[in-house]
């Protein structure tokens, strides 16, 4: 099914750098199985989108050059300034990237007072 939505998976083996735990449904079911079913490579990232750990993620992304990149909004909020501040890193990061994806918080945007809005979807393009 993924090959119909992302036909480049049939032409080239995917490469991801991923910090999600495999016990997480997206990390384990989606990411690990996508690598297995498409002969891809999954690099386990010891960093994550936390200020003290994101430097490790930047180093891993510079070394590996993923073809698909998944992250949460907080991760992209840290990645964008790093890309803007280091053109050499940006060139390496985007050199093979075919698909960036962003996970969405379940329940959509949190409103003041804790009420959830949005469509409740797990991912968005």
PDB file of N, CA and C in Angstrom:
ATOM      1  N   UNK A   1       0.806  -1.184   0.000  1.00  0.00           N
ATOM      2  CA  UNK A   1       0.000   0.000   0.000  1.00  0.00           C
ATOM      3  C   UNK A   1       0.860   1.262   0.000  1.00  0.00           C
ATOM      4  N   UNK A   2       1.914   1.275   0.817  1.00  0.00           N
ATOM      5  CA  UNK A   2       2.779   2.457   0.841  1.00  0.00           C
ATOM      6  C   UNK A   2       3.441   2.708  -0.507  1.00  0.00           C
ATOM      7  N   UNK A   3       3.776   1.652  -1.213  1.00  0.00           N
ATOM      8  CA  UNK A   3       4.422   1.842  -2.523  1.00  0.00           C
ATOM      9  C   UNK A   3       3.500   2.510  -3.529  1.00  0.00           C
ATOM     10  N   UNK A   4       2.197   2.379  -3.352  1.00  0.00           N
ATOM     11  CA  UNK A   4       1.267   3.087  -4.224  1.00  0.00           C
ATOM     12  C   UNK A   4       1.263   4.578  -3.897  1.00  0.00           C
ATOM     13  N   UNK A   5       1.328   4.914  -2.624  1.00  0.00           N
ATOM     14  CA  UNK A   5       1.327   6.320  -2.207  1.00  0.00           C
ATOM     15  C   UNK A   5       2.703   6.955  -2.398  1.00  0.00           C
ATOM     16  N   UNK A   6       3.748   6.185  -2.166  1.00  0.00           N
ATOM     17  CA  UNK A   6       5.125   6.670  -2.271  1.00  0.00           C
ATOM     18  C   UNK A   6       5.882   5.765  -3.252  1.00  0.00           C
ATOM     19  N   UNK A   7       5.673   5.938  -4.562  1.00  0.00           N
ATOM     20  CA  UNK A   7       6.258   5.020  -5.544  1.00  0.00           C
ATOM     21  C   UNK A   7       7.784   4.975  -5.542  1.00  0.00           C
ATOM     22  N   UNK A   8       8.440   5.988  -5.004  1.00  0.00           N
ATOM     23  CA  UNK A   8       9.904   5.952  -4.955  1.00  0.00           C
ATOM     24  C   UNK A   8      10.421   4.797  -4.107  1.00  0.00           C
ATOM     25  N   UNK A   9       9.574   4.231  -3.209  1.00  0.00           N
ATOM     26  CA  UNK A   9      10.002   3.092  -2.396  1.00  0.00           C
ATOM     27  C   UNK A   9      10.325   1.869  -3.253  1.00  0.00           C
ATOM     28  N   UNK A  10       9.684   1.738  -4.406  1.00  0.00           N
ATOM     29  CA  UNK A  10       9.958   0.601  -5.293  1.00  0.00           C
ATOM     30  C   UNK A  10      11.262   0.793  -6.051  1.00  0.00           C
ATOM     31  N   UNK A  11      11.677   2.039  -6.216  1.00  0.00           N
ATOM     32  CA  UNK A  11      12.868   2.327  -7.017  1.00  0.00           C
ATOM     33  C   UNK A  11      14.142   2.450  -6.189  1.00  0.00           C
ATOM     34  N   UNK A  12      14.010   2.838  -4.925  1.00  0.00           N
ATOM     35  CA  UNK A  12      15.193   2.998  -4.075  1.00  0.00           C
ATOM     36  C   UNK A  12      14.862   2.578  -2.654  1.00  0.00           C
ATOM     37  N   UNK A  13      15.837   2.007  -2.004  1.00  0.00           N
ATOM     38  CA  UNK A  13      15.635   1.543  -0.630  1.00  0.00           C
ATOM     39  C   UNK A  13      15.602   2.741   0.314  1.00  0.00           C
ATOM     40  N   UNK A  14      14.617   2.792   1.196  1.00  0.00           N
ATOM     41  CA  UNK A  14      14.511   3.926   2.105  1.00  0.00           C
ATOM     42  C   UNK A  14      15.569   3.889   3.211  1.00  0.00           C
ATOM     43  N   UNK A  15      15.916   5.070   3.675  1.00  0.00           N
ATOM     44  CA  UNK A  15      16.848   5.240   4.787  1.00  0.00           C
ATOM     45  C   UNK A  15      16.206   6.233   5.749  1.00  0.00           C
ATOM     46  N   UNK A  16      16.066   5.838   7.021  1.00  0.00           N
ATOM     47  CA  UNK A  16      15.553   6.773   8.012  1.00  0.00           C
ATOM     48  C   UNK A  16      16.470   6.814   9.233  1.00  0.00           C
ATOM     49  N   UNK A  17      16.467   7.949   9.893  1.00  0.00           N
ATOM     50  CA  UNK A  17      17.112   8.155  11.188  1.00  0.00           C
ATOM     51  C   UNK A  17      15.956   8.388  12.153  1.00  0.00           C
ATOM     52  N   UNK A  18      15.782   7.496  13.114  1.00  0.00           N
ATOM     53  CA  UNK A  18      14.567   7.502  13.909  1.00  0.00           C
ATOM     54  C   UNK A  18      14.861   7.393  15.394  1.00  0.00           C
ATOM     55  N   UNK A  19      14.240   8.262  16.180  1.00  0.00           N
ATOM     56  CA  UNK A  19      14.389   8.206  17.632  1.00  0.00           C
ATOM     57  C   UNK A  19      13.180   7.596  18.328  1.00  0.00           C
ATOM     58  N   UNK A  20      12.097   7.327  17.600  1.00  0.00           N
ATOM     59  CA  UNK A  20      10.902   6.769  18.233  1.00  0.00           C
ATOM     60  C   UNK A  20      11.185   5.391  18.823  1.00  0.00           C
ATOM     61  N   UNK A  21      10.671   5.121  20.012  1.00  0.00           N
ATOM     62  CA  UNK A  21      10.827   3.765  20.558  1.00  0.00           C
ATOM     63  C   UNK A  21      10.011   2.774  19.738  1.00  0.00           C
ATOM     64  N   UNK A  22      10.507   1.566  19.628  1.00  0.00           N
ATOM     65  CA  UNK A  22       9.811   0.555  18.834  1.00  0.00           C
ATOM     66  C   UNK A  22       8.523   0.098  19.494  1.00  0.00           C
ATOM     67  N   UNK A  23       8.342   0.421  20.769  1.00  0.00           N
ATOM     68  CA  UNK A  23       7.079   0.113  21.433  1.00  0.00           C
ATOM     69  C   UNK A  23       5.995   1.127  21.046  1.00  0.00           C
ATOM     70  N   UNK A  24       6.395   2.229  20.444  1.00  0.00           N
ATOM     71  CA  UNK A  24       5.450   3.231  19.945  1.00  0.00           C
ATOM     72  C   UNK A  24       4.847   2.691  18.655  1.00  0.00           C
ATOM     73  N   UNK A  25       3.542   2.830  18.473  1.00  0.00           N
ATOM     74  CA  UNK A  25       2.895   2.213  17.313  1.00  0.00           C
ATOM     75  C   UNK A  25       3.450   2.720  15.988  1.00  0.00           C
ATOM     76  N   UNK A  26       3.759   4.003  15.882  1.00  0.00           N
ATOM     77  CA  UNK A  26       4.311   4.512  14.626  1.00  0.00           C
ATOM     78  C   UNK A  26       5.761   4.074  14.471  1.00  0.00           C
ATOM     79  N   UNK A  27       6.541   4.126  15.557  1.00  0.00           N
ATOM     80  CA  UNK A  27       7.938   3.708  15.486  1.00  0.00           C
ATOM     81  C   UNK A  27       8.089   2.227  15.175  1.00  0.00           C
ATOM     82  N   UNK A  28       7.305   1.402  15.840  1.00  0.00           N
ATOM     83  CA  UNK A  28       7.424  -0.038  15.653  1.00  0.00           C
ATOM     84  C   UNK A  28       6.685  -0.561  14.442  1.00  0.00           C
ATOM     85  N   UNK A  29       5.410  -0.271  14.360  1.00  0.00           N
ATOM     86  CA  UNK A  29       4.607  -0.817  13.260  1.00  0.00           C
ATOM     87  C   UNK A  29       4.951  -0.172  11.926  1.00  0.00           C
ATOM     88  N   UNK A  30       4.909   1.127  11.865  1.00  0.00           N
ATOM     89  CA  UNK A  30       5.102   1.811  10.589  1.00  0.00           C
ATOM     90  C   UNK A  30       6.569   1.843  10.170  1.00  0.00           C
ATOM     91  N   UNK A  31       7.422   2.436  10.989  1.00  0.00           N
ATOM     92  CA  UNK A  31       8.799   2.683  10.571  1.00  0.00           C
ATOM     93  C   UNK A  31       9.616   1.398  10.415  1.00  0.00           C
ATOM     94  N   UNK A  32       9.583   0.544  11.421  1.00  0.00           N
ATOM     95  CA  UNK A  32      10.359  -0.702  11.337  1.00  0.00           C
ATOM     96  C   UNK A  32       9.829  -1.576  10.204  1.00  0.00           C
ATOM     97  N   UNK A  33       8.523  -1.744  10.104  1.00  0.00           N
ATOM     98  CA  UNK A  33       7.966  -2.591   9.044  1.00  0.00           C
ATOM     99  C   UNK A  33       8.201  -2.001   7.654  1.00  0.00           C
ATOM    100  N   UNK A  34       8.192  -0.674   7.524  1.00  0.00           N
ATOM    101  CA  UNK A  34       8.481  -0.063   6.224  1.00  0.00           C
ATOM    102  C   UNK A  34       9.911  -0.399   5.791  1.00  0.00           C
ATOM    103  N   UNK A  35      10.837  -0.384   6.736  1.00  0.00           N
ATOM    104  CA  UNK A  35      12.219  -0.716   6.396  1.00  0.00           C
ATOM    105  C   UNK A  35      12.340  -2.192   6.017  1.00  0.00           C
ATOM    106  N   UNK A  36      11.704  -3.057   6.782  1.00  0.00           N
ATOM    107  CA  UNK A  36      11.776  -4.494   6.492  1.00  0.00           C
ATOM    108  C   UNK A  36      11.141  -4.840   5.152  1.00  0.00           C
ATOM    109  N   UNK A  37       9.970  -4.295   4.872  1.00  0.00           N
ATOM    110  CA  UNK A  37       9.264  -4.673   3.648  1.00  0.00           C
ATOM    111  C   UNK A  37       9.849  -4.031   2.394  1.00  0.00           C
ATOM    112  N   UNK A  38      10.681  -3.000   2.554  1.00  0.00           N
ATOM    113  CA  UNK A  38      11.273  -2.334   1.396  1.00  0.00           C
ATOM    114  C   UNK A  38      12.792  -2.447   1.346  1.00  0.00           C
ATOM    115  N   UNK A  39      13.361  -3.301   2.187  1.00  0.00           N
ATOM    116  CA  UNK A  39      14.808  -3.496   2.191  1.00  0.00           C
ATOM    117  C   UNK A  39      15.572  -2.261   2.605  1.00  0.00           C
ATOM    118  N   UNK A  40      14.967  -1.439   3.458  1.00  0.00           N
ATOM    119  CA  UNK A  40      15.584  -0.183   3.854  1.00  0.00           C
ATOM    120  C   UNK A  40      16.522  -0.314   5.034  1.00  0.00           C
ATOM    121  N   UNK A  41      17.048   0.831   5.442  1.00  0.00           N
ATOM    122  CA  UNK A  41      17.966   0.896   6.572  1.00  0.00           C
ATOM    123  C   UNK A  41      17.416   1.866   7.595  1.00  0.00           C
ATOM    124  N   UNK A  42      17.321   1.430   8.844  1.00  0.00           N
ATOM    125  CA  UNK A  42      16.864   2.255   9.944  1.00  0.00           C
ATOM    126  C   UNK A  42      18.043   2.507  10.873  1.00  0.00           C
ATOM    127  N   UNK A  43      18.425   3.758  11.009  1.00  0.00           N
ATOM    128  CA  UNK A  43      19.466   4.151  11.957  1.00  0.00           C
ATOM    129  C   UNK A  43      18.778   4.618  13.231  1.00  0.00           C
ATOM    130  N   UNK A  44      19.154   4.039  14.358  1.00  0.00           N
ATOM    131  CA  UNK A  44      18.567   4.413  15.631  1.00  0.00           C
ATOM    132  C   UNK A  44      19.264   5.676  16.121  1.00  0.00           C
ATOM    133  N   UNK A  45      18.477   6.717  16.325  1.00  0.00           N
ATOM    134  CA  UNK A  45      18.977   8.020  16.755  1.00  0.00           C
ATOM    135  C   UNK A  45      18.944   8.100  18.275  1.00  0.00           C
ATOM    136  N   UNK A  46      20.090   8.288  18.894  1.00  0.00           N
ATOM    137  CA  UNK A  46      20.165   8.436  20.345  1.00  0.00           C
ATOM    138  C   UNK A  46      19.685   9.793  20.827  1.00  0.00           C
ATOM    139  N   UNK A  47      19.470  10.716  19.903  1.00  0.00           N
ATOM    140  CA  UNK A  47      18.920  12.023  20.264  1.00  0.00           C
ATOM    141  C   UNK A  47      17.412  11.977  20.250  1.00  0.00           C
ATOM    142  N   UNK A  48      16.805  13.123  20.391  1.00  0.00           N
ATOM    143  CA  UNK A  48      15.356  13.293  20.286  1.00  0.00           C
ATOM    144  C   UNK A  48      15.064  14.774  20.369  1.00  0.00           C
ATOM    145  N   UNK A  49      13.814  15.187  20.139  1.00  0.00           N
ATOM    146  CA  UNK A  49      13.535  16.623  20.122  1.00  0.00           C
ATOM    147  C   UNK A  49      13.450  17.236  21.522  1.00  0.00           C
ATOM    148  N   UNK A  50      14.515  17.091  22.266  1.00  0.00           N
ATOM    149  CA  UNK A  50      14.671  17.749  23.567  1.00  0.00           C
ATOM    150  C   UNK A  50      15.954  18.562  23.472  1.00  0.00           C
ATOM    151  N   UNK A  51      15.969  19.786  23.992  1.00  0.00           N
ATOM    152  CA  UNK A  51      17.139  20.651  23.797  1.00  0.00           C
ATOM    153  C   UNK A  51      18.485  20.001  24.131  1.00  0.00           C
ATOM    154  N   UNK A  52      18.548  19.221  25.184  1.00  0.00           N
ATOM    155  CA  UNK A  52      19.815  18.609  25.567  1.00  0.00           C
ATOM    156  C   UNK A  52      20.236  17.460  24.652  1.00  0.00           C
ATOM    157  N   UNK A  53      19.305  16.900  23.890  1.00  0.00           N
ATOM    158  CA  UNK A  53      19.598  15.721  23.067  1.00  0.00           C
ATOM    159  C   UNK A  53      19.574  15.985  21.571  1.00  0.00           C
ATOM    160  N   UNK A  54      19.077  17.150  21.152  1.00  0.00           N
ATOM    161  CA  UNK A  54      18.891  17.368  19.722  1.00  0.00           C
ATOM    162  C   UNK A  54      20.206  17.526  18.968  1.00  0.00           C
ATOM    163  N   UNK A  55      21.272  17.920  19.631  1.00  0.00           N
ATOM    164  CA  UNK A  55      22.580  17.987  18.981  1.00  0.00           C
ATOM    165  C   UNK A  55      22.998  16.633  18.423  1.00  0.00           C
ATOM    166  N   UNK A  56      22.681  15.564  19.142  1.00  0.00           N
ATOM    167  CA  UNK A  56      22.983  14.212  18.648  1.00  0.00           C
ATOM    168  C   UNK A  56      22.182  13.904  17.391  1.00  0.00           C
ATOM    169  N   UNK A  57      20.921  14.333  17.358  1.00  0.00           N
ATOM    170  CA  UNK A  57      20.087  14.141  16.168  1.00  0.00           C
ATOM    171  C   UNK A  57      20.689  14.878  14.975  1.00  0.00           C
ATOM    172  N   UNK A  58      21.138  16.114  15.164  1.00  0.00           N
ATOM    173  CA  UNK A  58      21.753  16.886  14.078  1.00  0.00           C
ATOM    174  C   UNK A  58      22.989  16.162  13.549  1.00  0.00           C
ATOM    175  N   UNK A  59      23.833  15.675  14.448  1.00  0.00           N
ATOM    176  CA  UNK A  59      25.039  14.943  14.027  1.00  0.00           C
ATOM    177  C   UNK A  59      24.667  13.683  13.248  1.00  0.00           C
ATOM    178  N   UNK A  60      23.653  12.963  13.710  1.00  0.00           N
ATOM    179  CA  UNK A  60      23.230  11.739  13.020  1.00  0.00           C
ATOM    180  C   UNK A  60      22.657  12.050  11.635  1.00  0.00           C
ATOM    181  N   UNK A  61      21.847  13.110  11.543  1.00  0.00           N
ATOM    182  CA  UNK A  61      21.264  13.482  10.244  1.00  0.00           C
ATOM    183  C   UNK A  61      22.340  13.931   9.261  1.00  0.00           C
ATOM    184  N   UNK A  62      23.368  14.587   9.742  1.00  0.00           N
ATOM    185  CA  UNK A  62      24.463  15.010   8.871  1.00  0.00           C
ATOM    186  C   UNK A  62      25.269  13.815   8.378  1.00  0.00           C
ATOM    187  N   UNK A  63      25.406  12.806   9.227  1.00  0.00           N
ATOM    188  CA  UNK A  63      26.203  11.630   8.860  1.00  0.00           C
ATOM    189  C   UNK A  63      25.456  10.676   7.944  1.00  0.00           C
ATOM    190  N   UNK A  64      24.148  10.526   8.129  1.00  0.00           N
ATOM    191  CA  UNK A  64      23.400   9.471   7.438  1.00  0.00           C
ATOM    192  C   UNK A  64      22.713   9.939   6.160  1.00  0.00           C
ATOM    193  N   UNK A  65      22.171  11.121   6.106  1.00  0.00           N
ATOM    194  CA  UNK A  65      21.417  11.645   4.956  1.00  0.00           C
ATOM    195  C   UNK A  65      20.206  10.757   4.640  1.00  0.00           C
ATOM    196  N   UNK A  66      19.116  10.926   5.380  1.00  0.00           N
ATOM    197  CA  UNK A  66      17.935  10.079   5.182  1.00  0.00           C
ATOM    198  C   UNK A  66      17.225  10.360   3.860  1.00  0.00           C
ATOM    199  N   UNK A  67      16.452   9.370   3.415  1.00  0.00           N
ATOM    200  CA  UNK A  67      15.584   9.567   2.251  1.00  0.00           C
ATOM    201  C   UNK A  67      14.169   9.931   2.685  1.00  0.00           C
ATOM    202  N   UNK A  68      13.812   9.529   3.910  1.00  0.00           N
ATOM    203  CA  UNK A  68      12.524   9.862   4.510  1.00  0.00           C
ATOM    204  C   UNK A  68      12.817  10.358   5.916  1.00  0.00           C
ATOM    205  N   UNK A  69      12.132  11.422   6.323  1.00  0.00           N
ATOM    206  CA  UNK A  69      12.367  11.948   7.663  1.00  0.00           C
ATOM    207  C   UNK A  69      11.040  12.180   8.366  1.00  0.00           C
ATOM    208  N   UNK A  70      10.890  11.551   9.536  1.00  0.00           N
ATOM    209  CA  UNK A  70       9.705  11.702  10.374  1.00  0.00           C
ATOM    210  C   UNK A  70      10.096  12.454  11.632  1.00  0.00           C
ATOM    211  N   UNK A  71       9.234  13.382  12.055  1.00  0.00           N
ATOM    212  CA  UNK A  71       9.453  14.040  13.331  1.00  0.00           C
ATOM    213  C   UNK A  71       8.152  14.658  13.807  1.00  0.00           C
ATOM    214  N   UNK A  72       8.179  15.126  15.021  1.00  0.00           N
ATOM    215  CA  UNK A  72       7.051  15.820  15.635  1.00  0.00           C
ATOM    216  C   UNK A  72       7.280  17.319  15.482  1.00  0.00           C
ATOM    217  N   UNK A  73       6.249  18.144  15.686  1.00  0.00           N
ATOM    218  CA  UNK A  73       6.431  19.591  15.533  1.00  0.00           C
ATOM    219  C   UNK A  73       7.590  20.162  16.361  1.00  0.00           C
ATOM    220  N   UNK A  74       7.775  19.687  17.581  1.00  0.00           N
ATOM    221  CA  UNK A  74       8.880  20.189  18.411  1.00  0.00           C
ATOM    222  C   UNK A  74      10.232  19.866  17.774  1.00  0.00           C
ATOM    223  N   UNK A  75      10.336  18.721  17.106  1.00  0.00           N
ATOM    224  CA  UNK A  75      11.576  18.359  16.420  1.00  0.00           C
ATOM    225  C   UNK A  75      11.847  19.261  15.229  1.00  0.00           C
ATOM    226  N   UNK A  76      10.810  19.528  14.439  1.00  0.00           N
ATOM    227  CA  UNK A  76      10.980  20.440  13.305  1.00  0.00           C
ATOM    228  C   UNK A  76      11.289  21.849  13.777  1.00  0.00           C
ATOM    229  N   UNK A  77      10.732  22.263  14.919  1.00  0.00           N
ATOM    230  CA  UNK A  77      11.011  23.598  15.456  1.00  0.00           C
ATOM    231  C   UNK A  77      12.487  23.755  15.816  1.00  0.00           C
ATOM    232  N   UNK A  78      13.146  22.665  16.156  1.00  0.00           N
ATOM    233  CA  UNK A  78      14.583  22.705  16.443  1.00  0.00           C
ATOM    234  C   UNK A  78      15.420  22.470  15.183  1.00  0.00           C
ATOM    235  N   UNK A  79      14.893  21.689  14.254  1.00  0.00           N
ATOM    236  CA  UNK A  79      15.632  21.383  13.036  1.00  0.00           C
ATOM    237  C   UNK A  79      15.749  22.592  12.105  1.00  0.00           C
ATOM    238  N   UNK A  80      14.688  23.351  11.945  1.00  0.00           N
ATOM    239  CA  UNK A  80      14.693  24.472  10.999  1.00  0.00           C
ATOM    240  C   UNK A  80      15.805  25.475  11.305  1.00  0.00           C
ATOM    241  N   UNK A  81      15.967  25.946  12.545  1.00  0.00           N
ATOM    242  CA  UNK A  81      17.075  26.877  12.807  1.00  0.00           C
ATOM    243  C   UNK A  81      18.454  26.263  12.538  1.00  0.00           C
ATOM    244  N   UNK A  82      18.590  24.964  12.796  1.00  0.00           N
ATOM    245  CA  UNK A  82      19.869  24.305  12.511  1.00  0.00           C
ATOM    246  C   UNK A  82      20.151  24.276  11.013  1.00  0.00           C
ATOM    247  N   UNK A  83      19.111  24.023  10.209  1.00  0.00           N
ATOM    248  CA  UNK A  83      19.269  24.020   8.749  1.00  0.00           C
ATOM    249  C   UNK A  83      19.566  25.425   8.231  1.00  0.00           C
ATOM    250  N   UNK A  84      18.855  26.420   8.770  1.00  0.00           N
ATOM    251  CA  UNK A  84      19.072  27.804   8.334  1.00  0.00           C
ATOM    252  C   UNK A  84      20.442  28.327   8.739  1.00  0.00           C
ATOM    253  N   UNK A  85      20.951  27.859   9.872  1.00  0.00           N
ATOM    254  CA  UNK A  85      22.231  28.347  10.379  1.00  0.00           C
ATOM    255  C   UNK A  85      23.451  27.639   9.829  1.00  0.00           C
ATOM    256  N   UNK A  86      23.260  26.533   9.124  1.00  0.00           N
ATOM    257  CA  UNK A  86      24.395  25.746   8.620  1.00  0.00           C
ATOM    258  C   UNK A  86      24.087  25.253   7.210  1.00  0.00           C
ATOM    259  N   UNK A  87      24.444  26.047   6.190  1.00  0.00           N
ATOM    260  CA  UNK A  87      24.131  25.651   4.806  1.00  0.00           C
ATOM    261  C   UNK A  87      24.728  24.304   4.398  1.00  0.00           C
ATOM    262  N   UNK A  88      25.900  23.961   4.922  1.00  0.00           N
ATOM    263  CA  UNK A  88      26.499  22.665   4.574  1.00  0.00           C
ATOM    264  C   UNK A  88      25.654  21.521   5.138  1.00  0.00           C
ATOM    265  N   UNK A  89      25.177  21.684   6.370  1.00  0.00           N
ATOM    266  CA  UNK A  89      24.285  20.672   6.951  1.00  0.00           C
ATOM    267  C   UNK A  89      22.992  20.586   6.151  1.00  0.00           C
ATOM    268  N   UNK A  90      22.423  21.725   5.794  1.00  0.00           N
ATOM    269  CA  UNK A  90      21.173  21.733   5.016  1.00  0.00           C
ATOM    270  C   UNK A  90      21.362  21.010   3.684  1.00  0.00           C
ATOM    271  N   UNK A  91      22.491  21.249   3.030  1.00  0.00           N
ATOM    272  CA  UNK A  91      22.737  20.582   1.741  1.00  0.00           C
ATOM    273  C   UNK A  91      22.838  19.072   1.910  1.00  0.00           C
ATOM    274  N   UNK A  92      23.526  18.622   2.963  1.00  0.00           N
ATOM    275  CA  UNK A  92      23.618  17.178   3.212  1.00  0.00           C
ATOM    276  C   UNK A  92      22.254  16.593   3.564  1.00  0.00           C
ATOM    277  N   UNK A  93      21.518  17.270   4.437  1.00  0.00           N
ATOM    278  CA  UNK A  93      20.225  16.764   4.878  1.00  0.00           C
ATOM    279  C   UNK A  93      19.259  16.597   3.703  1.00  0.00           C
ATOM    280  N   UNK A  94      19.204  17.572   2.815  1.00  0.00           N
ATOM    281  CA  UNK A  94      18.257  17.534   1.702  1.00  0.00           C
ATOM    282  C   UNK A  94      18.781  16.786   0.474  1.00  0.00           C
ATOM    283  N   UNK A  95      20.034  16.343   0.498  1.00  0.00           N
ATOM    284  CA  UNK A  95      20.640  15.752  -0.704  1.00  0.00           C
ATOM    285  C   UNK A  95      19.930  14.483  -1.180  1.00  0.00           C
ATOM    286  N   UNK A  96      19.384  13.677  -0.269  1.00  0.00           N
ATOM    287  CA  UNK A  96      18.668  12.453  -0.665  1.00  0.00           C
ATOM    288  C   UNK A  96      17.227  12.438  -0.187  1.00  0.00           C
ATOM    289  N   UNK A  97      16.814  13.470   0.543  1.00  0.00           N
ATOM    290  CA  UNK A  97      15.488  13.475   1.148  1.00  0.00           C
ATOM    291  C   UNK A  97      14.392  13.474   0.094  1.00  0.00           C
ATOM    292  N   UNK A  98      13.532  12.477   0.165  1.00  0.00           N
ATOM    293  CA  UNK A  98      12.405  12.366  -0.754  1.00  0.00           C
ATOM    294  C   UNK A  98      11.086  12.736  -0.089  1.00  0.00           C
ATOM    295  N   UNK A  99      11.011  12.559   1.252  1.00  0.00           N
ATOM    296  CA  UNK A  99       9.743  12.750   1.929  1.00  0.00           C
ATOM    297  C   UNK A  99       9.957  13.167   3.383  1.00  0.00           C
ATOM    298  N   UNK A 100       9.649  14.416   3.733  1.00  0.00           N
ATOM    299  CA  UNK A 100       9.581  14.788   5.157  1.00  0.00           C
ATOM    300  C   UNK A 100       8.137  14.641   5.633  1.00  0.00           C
ATOM    301  N   UNK A 101       7.951  14.098   6.820  1.00  0.00           N
ATOM    302  CA  UNK A 101       6.591  13.934   7.369  1.00  0.00           C
ATOM    303  C   UNK A 101       6.580  14.440   8.804  1.00  0.00           C
ATOM    304  N   UNK A 102       5.434  14.968   9.196  1.00  0.00           N
ATOM    305  CA  UNK A 102       5.272  15.492  10.547  1.00  0.00           C
ATOM    306  C   UNK A 102       4.132  14.781  11.243  1.00  0.00           C
ATOM    307  N   UNK A 103       4.403  14.283  12.428  1.00  0.00           N
ATOM    308  CA  UNK A 103       3.348  13.683  13.241  1.00  0.00           C
ATOM    309  C   UNK A 103       2.531  14.799  13.871  1.00  0.00           C
ATOM    310  N   UNK A 104       1.271  14.548  14.044  1.00  0.00           N
ATOM    311  CA  UNK A 104       0.371  15.524  14.655  1.00  0.00           C
ATOM    312  C   UNK A 104      -0.090  15.000  15.996  1.00  0.00           C
ATOM    313  N   UNK A 105      -0.198  15.892  16.950  1.00  0.00           N
ATOM    314  CA  UNK A 105      -0.705  15.519  18.264  1.00  0.00           C
ATOM    315  C   UNK A 105      -2.115  14.964  18.128  1.00  0.00           C
ATOM    316  N   UNK A 106      -2.391  13.848  18.785  1.00  0.00           N
ATOM    317  CA  UNK A 106      -3.758  13.300  18.751  1.00  0.00           C
ATOM    318  C   UNK A 106      -4.719  14.318  19.321  1.00  0.00           C
ATOM    319  N   UNK A 107      -5.821  14.453  18.659  1.00  0.00           N
ATOM    320  CA  UNK A 107      -6.817  15.387  19.123  1.00  0.00           C
ATOM    321  C   UNK A 107      -6.613  16.787  18.577  1.00  0.00           C
ATOM    322  N   UNK A 108      -5.591  16.978  17.764  1.00  0.00           N
ATOM    323  CA  UNK A 108      -5.370  18.278  17.149  1.00  0.00           C
ATOM    324  C   UNK A 108      -4.752  19.271  18.102  1.00  0.00           C
ATOM    325  N   UNK A 109      -5.026  20.531  17.889  1.00  0.00           N
ATOM    326  CA  UNK A 109      -4.438  21.626  18.645  1.00  0.00           C
ATOM    327  C   UNK A 109      -5.109  21.735  20.006  1.00  0.00           C
ATOM    328  N   UNK A 110      -4.310  21.935  21.035  1.00  0.00           N
ATOM    329  CA  UNK A 110      -4.863  22.141  22.381  1.00  0.00           C
ATOM    330  C   UNK A 110      -5.250  23.608  22.535  1.00  0.00           C
ATOM    331  N   UNK A 111      -6.447  23.815  23.006  1.00  0.00           N
ATOM    332  CA  UNK A 111      -6.939  25.171  23.242  1.00  0.00           C
ATOM    333  C   UNK A 111      -6.758  25.526  24.704  1.00  0.00           C
ATOM    334  N   UNK A 112      -6.734  26.816  25.025  1.00  0.00           N
ATOM    335  CA  UNK A 112      -6.659  27.197  26.441  1.00  0.00           C
ATOM    336  C   UNK A 112      -7.758  26.483  27.231  1.00  0.00           C
ATOM    337  N   UNK A 113      -7.407  26.001  28.378  1.00  0.00           N
ATOM    338  CA  UNK A 113      -8.367  25.264  29.197  1.00  0.00           C
ATOM    339  C   UNK A 113      -8.314  23.762  28.962  1.00  0.00           C
ATOM    340  N   UNK A 114      -7.475  23.308  28.007  1.00  0.00           N
ATOM    341  CA  UNK A 114      -7.267  21.885  27.795  1.00  0.00           C
ATOM    342  C   UNK A 114      -8.180  21.225  26.796  1.00  0.00           C
ATOM    343  N   UNK A 115      -9.124  21.943  26.185  1.00  0.00           N
ATOM    344  CA  UNK A 115     -10.014  21.323  25.202  1.00  0.00           C
ATOM    345  C   UNK A 115      -9.254  21.038  23.925  1.00  0.00           C
ATOM    346  N   UNK A 116      -9.490  19.883  23.351  1.00  0.00           N
ATOM    347  CA  UNK A 116      -8.811  19.497  22.112  1.00  0.00           C
ATOM    348  C   UNK A 116      -9.656  19.893  20.917  1.00  0.00           C
ATOM    349  N   UNK A 117      -8.981  20.258  19.837  1.00  0.00           N
ATOM    350  CA  UNK A 117      -9.665  20.556  18.594  1.00  0.00           C
ATOM    351  C   UNK A 117      -9.033  19.765  17.468  1.00  0.00           C
ATOM    352  N   UNK A 118      -9.443  19.972  16.264  1.00  0.00           N
ATOM    353  CA  UNK A 118      -8.859  19.274  15.124  1.00  0.00           C
ATOM    354  C   UNK A 118      -9.610  17.996  14.813  1.00  0.00           C
ATOM    355  N   UNK A 119      -9.084  17.266  13.852  1.00  0.00           N
ATOM    356  CA  UNK A 119      -9.785  16.087  13.374  1.00  0.00           C
ATOM    357  C   UNK A 119      -9.381  14.805  14.087  1.00  0.00           C
ATOM    358  N   UNK A 120      -8.422  14.887  15.015  1.00  0.00           N
ATOM    359  CA  UNK A 120      -8.001  13.701  15.749  1.00  0.00           C
ATOM    360  C   UNK A 120      -7.057  12.799  14.976  1.00  0.00           C
ATOM    361  N   UNK A 121      -6.604  13.219  13.789  1.00  0.00           N
ATOM    362  CA  UNK A 121      -5.705  12.409  12.985  1.00  0.00           C
ATOM    363  C   UNK A 121      -4.340  12.267  13.620  1.00  0.00           C
ATOM    364  N   UNK A 122      -3.662  11.163  13.334  1.00  0.00           N
ATOM    365  CA  UNK A 122      -2.354  10.921  13.913  1.00  0.00           C
ATOM    366  C   UNK A 122      -1.229  11.551  13.112  1.00  0.00           C
ATOM    367  N   UNK A 123      -1.383  11.691  11.822  1.00  0.00           N
ATOM    368  CA  UNK A 123      -0.305  12.234  10.987  1.00  0.00           C
ATOM    369  C   UNK A 123      -0.887  13.181   9.966  1.00  0.00           C
ATOM    370  N   UNK A 124      -0.065  14.073   9.512  1.00  0.00           N
ATOM    371  CA  UNK A 124      -0.454  14.973   8.422  1.00  0.00           C
ATOM    372  C   UNK A 124       0.720  15.132   7.491  1.00  0.00           C
ATOM    373  N   UNK A 125       0.483  15.463   6.212  1.00  0.00           N
ATOM    374  CA  UNK A 125       1.598  15.639   5.286  1.00  0.00           C
ATOM    375  C   UNK A 125       2.398  16.867   5.608  1.00  0.00           C
TER     376      UNK A 125
END
